[in-house]
Amino acid sequence: AIVLAQMVPEDRAALFARGRAIGDSRVIMGMHFPTDVAAGRVIAAAAAAFMLQNPKFQSDMRVAQAGLRQALGLPVAPPDPR
């Protein structure tokens, strides 16, 4: 959700809500304990922060972002947050 929210910021809230729902469903189904899901969120945030600082990842993400946005029928450049 973190990386996808970077690629499609106009859907950020929905992406994070979906990610949270998936984690919650793992607990409801008895597949994980709540602490497993909480730890996964912390690890995901740290991994995303690390990856988003990597120039090669940034370059690859720009290519992937353009393709994803095109596939979704969105403008290639995300809206300016200002």
Protein backbone atom coordinates (compact mmCIF):
# COMPACT_ATOMS: atom_id res chain seq x y z
CA ALA A 1 0.00 0.00 0.00
CA ILE A 2 2.85 2.38 0.78
CA VAL A 3 4.49 2.02 -2.63
CA LEU A 4 1.17 1.97 -4.49
CA ALA A 5 0.12 5.15 -2.65
CA GLN A 6 3.29 6.79 -3.97
CA MET A 7 2.33 5.73 -7.48
CA VAL A 8 -1.36 6.67 -7.29
CA PRO A 9 -1.55 9.34 -4.56
CA GLU A 10 -5.12 10.28 -5.42
CA ASP A 11 -6.16 6.79 -4.17
CA ARG A 12 -3.93 6.87 -1.08
CA ALA A 13 -6.72 6.61 1.49
CA ALA A 14 -8.40 3.71 -0.31
CA LEU A 15 -5.09 1.86 -0.74
CA PHE A 16 -4.22 2.16 2.95
CA ALA A 17 -7.76 1.15 3.93
CA ARG A 18 -7.49 -1.96 1.72
CA GLY A 19 -4.10 -2.84 3.18
CA ARG A 20 -5.47 -2.50 6.70
CA ALA A 21 -8.52 -4.63 5.80
CA ILE A 22 -6.29 -7.38 4.40
CA GLY A 23 -4.20 -7.41 7.57
CA ASP A 24 -7.32 -7.44 9.73
CA SER A 25 -8.78 -10.32 7.70
CA ARG A 26 -5.67 -12.40 8.43
CA VAL A 27 -6.40 -12.03 12.16
CA ILE A 28 -10.12 -12.72 11.74
CA MET A 29 -9.39 -15.90 9.76
CA GLY A 30 -6.99 -17.05 12.48
CA MET A 31 -3.99 -17.02 10.14
CA HIS A 32 -2.04 -14.48 12.22
CA PHE A 33 -2.07 -12.91 15.65
CA PRO A 34 -2.72 -9.15 15.90
CA THR A 35 0.93 -8.67 16.88
CA ASP A 36 2.01 -10.40 13.64
CA VAL A 37 0.03 -7.91 11.59
CA ALA A 38 1.27 -4.94 13.63
CA ALA A 39 4.87 -6.09 13.20
CA GLY A 40 4.29 -6.55 9.47
CA ARG A 41 3.10 -2.96 9.21
CA VAL A 42 6.21 -1.68 10.99
CA ILE A 43 8.52 -3.80 8.82
CA ALA A 44 6.69 -2.72 5.65
CA ALA A 45 7.03 0.96 6.58
CA ALA A 46 10.76 0.56 7.26
CA ALA A 47 11.33 -1.44 4.06
CA ALA A 48 9.39 1.07 1.96
CA ALA A 49 11.30 4.01 3.47
CA PHE A 50 14.58 2.26 2.71
CA MET A 51 13.61 1.31 -0.85
CA LEU A 52 12.18 4.74 -1.68
CA GLN A 53 15.62 6.26 -0.97
CA ASN A 54 17.35 3.95 -3.46
CA PRO A 55 17.99 5.69 -6.83
CA LYS A 56 17.61 2.43 -8.81
CA PHE A 57 14.30 1.68 -7.09
CA GLN A 58 13.14 5.24 -7.74
CA SER A 59 13.97 4.86 -11.43
CA ASP A 60 12.18 1.51 -11.67
CA MET A 61 9.22 2.90 -9.77
CA ARG A 62 8.85 5.83 -12.17
CA VAL A 63 8.62 3.38 -15.09
CA ALA A 64 6.16 1.18 -13.19
CA GLN A 65 4.15 4.22 -12.11
CA ALA A 66 3.73 5.42 -15.70
CA GLY A 67 2.58 1.97 -16.81
CA LEU A 68 0.21 1.54 -13.86
CA ARG A 69 -1.33 4.97 -14.29
CA GLN A 70 -1.77 4.36 -18.02
CA ALA A 71 -3.41 0.96 -17.34
CA LEU A 72 -5.77 2.66 -14.86
CA GLY A 73 -6.63 5.39 -17.39
CA LEU A 74 -5.06 8.11 -15.24
CA PRO A 75 -2.77 10.93 -16.37
CA VAL A 76 0.83 9.69 -16.41
CA ALA A 77 1.89 12.41 -13.96
CA PRO A 78 0.07 12.32 -10.61
CA PRO A 79 -1.71 15.49 -9.53
CA ASP A 80 0.40 18.18 -7.87
CA PRO A 81 -0.28 17.96 -4.09
CA ARG A 82 -0.06 21.75 -3.72
